[in-house]
Amino acid sequence: MSRRRGAADEALVRRIFQEHGAALFAYAIRLMGDRAQGESVVQEVLIRVWRDPEALADDKGVVRARLFTLTRSVVAARRPVDDRGGAVDSMVVLSAVQALPSEQRDVLRALYFQGRDVAETAASLGVPVGAVKSRSYHALLRLREAVR
């Protein structure tokens, strides 16, 4: 990179930070829920702008929108998966399992929660292997319908 381009890119990043830094910082903190992580996100956004300044070509005043989009992208890459959604999904599945007929529920418990194979499940429940396969098939169909 030439010195002239490097100086121009640094000036662009300074100008971007002066004009949009406070808004980006507030936005990043709100998304991350933490001041230090918000600072880190804004820093990464500015580094990306410094590396690829052409991505922010100022046509029709969309620089701030592009910066916010880039901020969301950085946050999304850093944010852990929301466990609340998983908890809700787990509750839905548990409720659906509870609604199954006991024969199907027992088969699923043995196969998926106790880790038994089909033959072991059949032996533990005292039913033929075909019954285990049929019950598990129909139970999984019902669960799929319940969680849609």
C-alpha atoms as a PDB file:
ATOM      1  CA  MET A   1       0.000   0.000   0.000  1.00  0.00           C
ATOM      2  CA  SER A   2       1.365   3.403  -0.904  1.00  0.00           C
ATOM      3  CA  ARG A   3       1.919   6.037   1.755  1.00  0.00           C
ATOM      4  CA  ARG A   4      -0.537   8.382   0.119  1.00  0.00           C
ATOM      5  CA  ARG A   5      -3.294   5.767   0.012  1.00  0.00           C
ATOM      6  CA  GLY A   6      -2.532   4.722   3.602  1.00  0.00           C
ATOM      7  CA  ALA A   7      -2.831   8.305   4.829  1.00  0.00           C
ATOM      8  CA  ALA A   8      -6.066   8.802   2.897  1.00  0.00           C
ATOM      9  CA  ASP A   9      -7.522   5.579   4.322  1.00  0.00           C
ATOM     10  CA  GLU A  10      -6.552   6.610   7.844  1.00  0.00           C
ATOM     11  CA  ALA A  11      -8.163  10.005   7.316  1.00  0.00           C
ATOM     12  CA  LEU A  12     -11.323   8.271   6.080  1.00  0.00           C
ATOM     13  CA  VAL A  13     -11.459   6.063   9.171  1.00  0.00           C
ATOM     14  CA  ARG A  14     -10.959   9.115  11.420  1.00  0.00           C
ATOM     15  CA  ARG A  15     -13.749  10.964   9.624  1.00  0.00           C
ATOM     16  CA  ILE A  16     -16.045   7.911   9.815  1.00  0.00           C
ATOM     17  CA  PHE A  17     -15.349   7.586  13.540  1.00  0.00           C
ATOM     18  CA  GLN A  18     -15.934  11.305  14.174  1.00  0.00           C
ATOM     19  CA  GLU A  19     -19.203  11.345  12.241  1.00  0.00           C
ATOM     20  CA  HIS A  20     -20.611   7.944  13.101  1.00  0.00           C
ATOM     21  CA  GLY A  21     -18.565   6.522  15.967  1.00  0.00           C
ATOM     22  CA  ALA A  22     -20.918   7.483  18.793  1.00  0.00           C
ATOM     23  CA  ALA A  23     -23.958   6.063  17.017  1.00  0.00           C
ATOM     24  CA  LEU A  24     -22.101   2.869  16.085  1.00  0.00           C
ATOM     25  CA  PHE A  25     -20.835   2.499  19.629  1.00  0.00           C
ATOM     26  CA  ALA A  26     -24.309   2.922  21.133  1.00  0.00           C
ATOM     27  CA  TYR A  27     -25.726   0.480  18.598  1.00  0.00           C
ATOM     28  CA  ALA A  28     -23.000  -2.110  19.239  1.00  0.00           C
ATOM     29  CA  ILE A  29     -23.476  -1.854  23.021  1.00  0.00           C
ATOM     30  CA  ARG A  30     -27.224  -2.318  22.617  1.00  0.00           C
ATOM     31  CA  LEU A  31     -26.696  -5.382  20.412  1.00  0.00           C
ATOM     32  CA  MET A  32     -23.954  -6.925  22.558  1.00  0.00           C
ATOM     33  CA  GLY A  33     -25.273  -5.868  25.956  1.00  0.00           C
ATOM     34  CA  ASP A  34     -21.765  -4.993  27.114  1.00  0.00           C
ATOM     35  CA  ARG A  35     -19.639  -1.845  26.802  1.00  0.00           C
ATOM     36  CA  ALA A  36     -16.297  -3.597  26.299  1.00  0.00           C
ATOM     37  CA  GLN A  37     -17.722  -5.891  23.639  1.00  0.00           C
ATOM     38  CA  GLY A  38     -19.363  -2.902  21.969  1.00  0.00           C
ATOM     39  CA  GLU A  39     -15.994  -1.147  21.800  1.00  0.00           C
ATOM     40  CA  SER A  40     -14.429  -4.241  20.310  1.00  0.00           C
ATOM     41  CA  VAL A  41     -17.166  -4.487  17.670  1.00  0.00           C
ATOM     42  CA  VAL A  42     -16.734  -0.841  16.635  1.00  0.00           C
ATOM     43  CA  GLN A  43     -12.983  -1.334  16.460  1.00  0.00           C
ATOM     44  CA  GLU A  44     -13.444  -4.326  14.148  1.00  0.00           C
ATOM     45  CA  VAL A  45     -15.867  -2.361  11.978  1.00  0.00           C
ATOM     46  CA  LEU A  46     -13.338   0.467  11.633  1.00  0.00           C
ATOM     47  CA  ILE A  47     -10.567  -1.991  10.766  1.00  0.00           C
ATOM     48  CA  ARG A  48     -12.772  -3.461   8.050  1.00  0.00           C
ATOM     49  CA  VAL A  49     -13.447   0.031   6.697  1.00  0.00           C
ATOM     50  CA  TRP A  50      -9.719   0.794   6.740  1.00  0.00           C
ATOM     51  CA  ARG A  51      -8.978  -2.434   4.826  1.00  0.00           C
ATOM     52  CA  ASP A  52     -11.736  -1.871   2.249  1.00  0.00           C
ATOM     53  CA  PRO A  53     -12.683   1.807   2.112  1.00  0.00           C
ATOM     54  CA  GLU A  54     -14.303   1.455  -1.311  1.00  0.00           C
ATOM     55  CA  ALA A  55     -17.093  -0.539   0.341  1.00  0.00           C
ATOM     56  CA  LEU A  56     -18.311   2.728   1.867  1.00  0.00           C
ATOM     57  CA  ALA A  57     -18.380   4.846  -1.277  1.00  0.00           C
ATOM     58  CA  ASP A  58     -20.496   7.825  -0.281  1.00  0.00           C
ATOM     59  CA  ASP A  59     -23.281   7.652  -2.811  1.00  0.00           C
ATOM     60  CA  LYS A  60     -26.624   9.071  -1.754  1.00  0.00           C
ATOM     61  CA  GLY A  61     -25.720   9.228   1.955  1.00  0.00           C
ATOM     62  CA  VAL A  62     -25.847   5.502   2.666  1.00  0.00           C
ATOM     63  CA  VAL A  63     -22.574   5.367   4.595  1.00  0.00           C
ATOM     64  CA  ARG A  64     -24.288   5.160   7.993  1.00  0.00           C
ATOM     65  CA  ALA A  65     -26.617   2.409   6.797  1.00  0.00           C
ATOM     66  CA  ARG A  66     -23.653   0.434   5.491  1.00  0.00           C
ATOM     67  CA  LEU A  67     -21.806   0.938   8.775  1.00  0.00           C
ATOM     68  CA  PHE A  68     -24.807  -0.290  10.759  1.00  0.00           C
ATOM     69  CA  THR A  69     -25.128  -3.303   8.463  1.00  0.00           C
ATOM     70  CA  LEU A  70     -21.453  -4.068   8.953  1.00  0.00           C
ATOM     71  CA  THR A  71     -21.873  -3.674  12.719  1.00  0.00           C
ATOM     72  CA  ARG A  72     -24.779  -6.144  12.725  1.00  0.00           C
ATOM     73  CA  SER A  73     -22.650  -8.559  10.728  1.00  0.00           C
ATOM     74  CA  VAL A  74     -19.755  -8.348  13.188  1.00  0.00           C
ATOM     75  CA  VAL A  75     -22.123  -8.765  16.137  1.00  0.00           C
ATOM     76  CA  ALA A  76     -23.834 -11.757  14.537  1.00  0.00           C
ATOM     77  CA  ALA A  77     -20.476 -13.448  14.022  1.00  0.00           C
ATOM     78  CA  ARG A  78     -19.569 -12.937  17.683  1.00  0.00           C
ATOM     79  CA  ARG A  79     -22.858 -13.515  19.431  1.00  0.00           C
ATOM     80  CA  PRO A  80     -23.395 -16.963  20.896  1.00  0.00           C
ATOM     81  CA  VAL A  81     -26.527 -18.786  19.887  1.00  0.00           C
ATOM     82  CA  ASP A  82     -29.478 -17.638  21.995  1.00  0.00           C
ATOM     83  CA  ASP A  83     -30.246 -20.422  24.479  1.00  0.00           C
ATOM     84  CA  ARG A  84     -33.741 -19.090  25.139  1.00  0.00           C
ATOM     85  CA  GLY A  85     -34.864 -20.281  21.712  1.00  0.00           C
ATOM     86  CA  GLY A  86     -33.395 -23.674  22.435  1.00  0.00           C
ATOM     87  CA  ALA A  87     -35.217 -23.779  25.763  1.00  0.00           C
ATOM     88  CA  VAL A  88     -38.517 -22.965  24.094  1.00  0.00           C
ATOM     89  CA  ASP A  89     -37.882 -25.612  21.447  1.00  0.00           C
ATOM     90  CA  SER A  90     -37.035 -28.122  24.173  1.00  0.00           C
ATOM     91  CA  MET A  91     -40.268 -27.329  25.999  1.00  0.00           C
ATOM     92  CA  VAL A  92     -42.278 -27.808  22.797  1.00  0.00           C
ATOM     93  CA  VAL A  93     -40.603 -31.150  22.102  1.00  0.00           C
ATOM     94  CA  LEU A  94     -41.019 -32.310  25.701  1.00  0.00           C
ATOM     95  CA  SER A  95     -44.689 -31.400  25.603  1.00  0.00           C
ATOM     96  CA  ALA A  96     -45.094 -33.241  22.295  1.00  0.00           C
ATOM     97  CA  VAL A  97     -43.349 -36.327  23.718  1.00  0.00           C
ATOM     98  CA  GLN A  98     -45.666 -36.252  26.741  1.00  0.00           C
ATOM     99  CA  ALA A  99     -48.676 -36.210  24.399  1.00  0.00           C
ATOM    100  CA  LEU A 100     -47.578 -39.405  22.621  1.00  0.00           C
ATOM    101  CA  PRO A 101     -49.223 -42.738  23.449  1.00  0.00           C
ATOM    102  CA  SER A 102     -47.230 -44.498  26.168  1.00  0.00           C
ATOM    103  CA  GLU A 103     -46.044 -47.273  23.797  1.00  0.00           C
ATOM    104  CA  GLN A 104     -44.473 -44.715  21.454  1.00  0.00           C
ATOM    105  CA  ARG A 105     -43.087 -42.628  24.315  1.00  0.00           C
ATOM    106  CA  ASP A 106     -41.427 -45.715  25.875  1.00  0.00           C
ATOM    107  CA  VAL A 107     -39.783 -46.610  22.569  1.00  0.00           C
ATOM    108  CA  LEU A 108     -38.411 -43.083  22.111  1.00  0.00           C
ATOM    109  CA  ARG A 109     -37.086 -42.999  25.669  1.00  0.00           C
ATOM    110  CA  ALA A 110     -35.230 -46.267  25.149  1.00  0.00           C
ATOM    111  CA  LEU A 111     -33.866 -45.378  21.715  1.00  0.00           C
ATOM    112  CA  TYR A 112     -32.990 -41.721  22.108  1.00  0.00           C
ATOM    113  CA  PHE A 113     -32.679 -40.969  25.799  1.00  0.00           C
ATOM    114  CA  GLN A 114     -31.198 -44.263  27.004  1.00  0.00           C
ATOM    115  CA  GLY A 115     -29.151 -44.862  23.854  1.00  0.00           C
ATOM    116  CA  ARG A 116     -30.374 -48.384  23.225  1.00  0.00           C
ATOM    117  CA  ASP A 117     -30.488 -49.888  19.760  1.00  0.00           C
ATOM    118  CA  VAL A 118     -33.637 -51.401  18.248  1.00  0.00           C
ATOM    119  CA  ALA A 119     -32.911 -54.954  19.444  1.00  0.00           C
ATOM    120  CA  GLU A 120     -32.113 -53.811  22.994  1.00  0.00           C
ATOM    121  CA  THR A 121     -35.269 -51.699  23.068  1.00  0.00           C
ATOM    122  CA  ALA A 122     -37.373 -54.611  21.839  1.00  0.00           C
ATOM    123  CA  ALA A 123     -35.898 -56.902  24.493  1.00  0.00           C
ATOM    124  CA  SER A 124     -36.341 -54.354  27.315  1.00  0.00           C
ATOM    125  CA  LEU A 125     -39.963 -53.662  26.365  1.00  0.00           C
ATOM    126  CA  GLY A 126     -40.797 -57.271  25.555  1.00  0.00           C
ATOM    127  CA  VAL A 127     -42.040 -56.506  22.038  1.00  0.00           C
ATOM    128  CA  PRO A 128     -40.907 -57.601  18.563  1.00  0.00           C
ATOM    129  CA  VAL A 129     -38.257 -55.552  16.730  1.00  0.00           C
ATOM    130  CA  GLY A 130     -40.865 -54.627  14.108  1.00  0.00           C
ATOM    131  CA  ALA A 131     -43.060 -53.071  16.797  1.00  0.00           C
ATOM    132  CA  VAL A 132     -40.152 -50.901  17.985  1.00  0.00           C
ATOM    133  CA  LYS A 133     -39.488 -49.712  14.425  1.00  0.00           C
ATOM    134  CA  SER A 134     -43.160 -48.995  13.765  1.00  0.00           C
ATOM    135  CA  ARG A 135     -43.709 -47.174  17.066  1.00  0.00           C
ATOM    136  CA  SER A 136     -40.607 -45.049  16.646  1.00  0.00           C
ATOM    137  CA  TYR A 137     -41.577 -44.165  13.069  1.00  0.00           C
ATOM    138  CA  HIS A 138     -45.077 -43.068  14.048  1.00  0.00           C
ATOM    139  CA  ALA A 139     -43.833 -41.251  17.152  1.00  0.00           C
ATOM    140  CA  LEU A 140     -41.345 -39.232  15.108  1.00  0.00           C
ATOM    141  CA  LEU A 141     -44.056 -38.354  12.587  1.00  0.00           C
ATOM    142  CA  ARG A 142     -46.233 -37.024  15.411  1.00  0.00           C
ATOM    143  CA  LEU A 143     -43.348 -35.050  16.857  1.00  0.00           C
ATOM    144  CA  ARG A 144     -42.574 -33.464  13.500  1.00  0.00           C
ATOM    145  CA  GLU A 145     -46.201 -32.381  13.174  1.00  0.00           C
ATOM    146  CA  ALA A 146     -46.226 -31.026  16.715  1.00  0.00           C
ATOM    147  CA  VAL A 147     -43.154 -28.819  16.311  1.00  0.00           C
ATOM    148  CA  ARG A 148     -44.103 -27.276  12.947  1.00  0.00           C
END
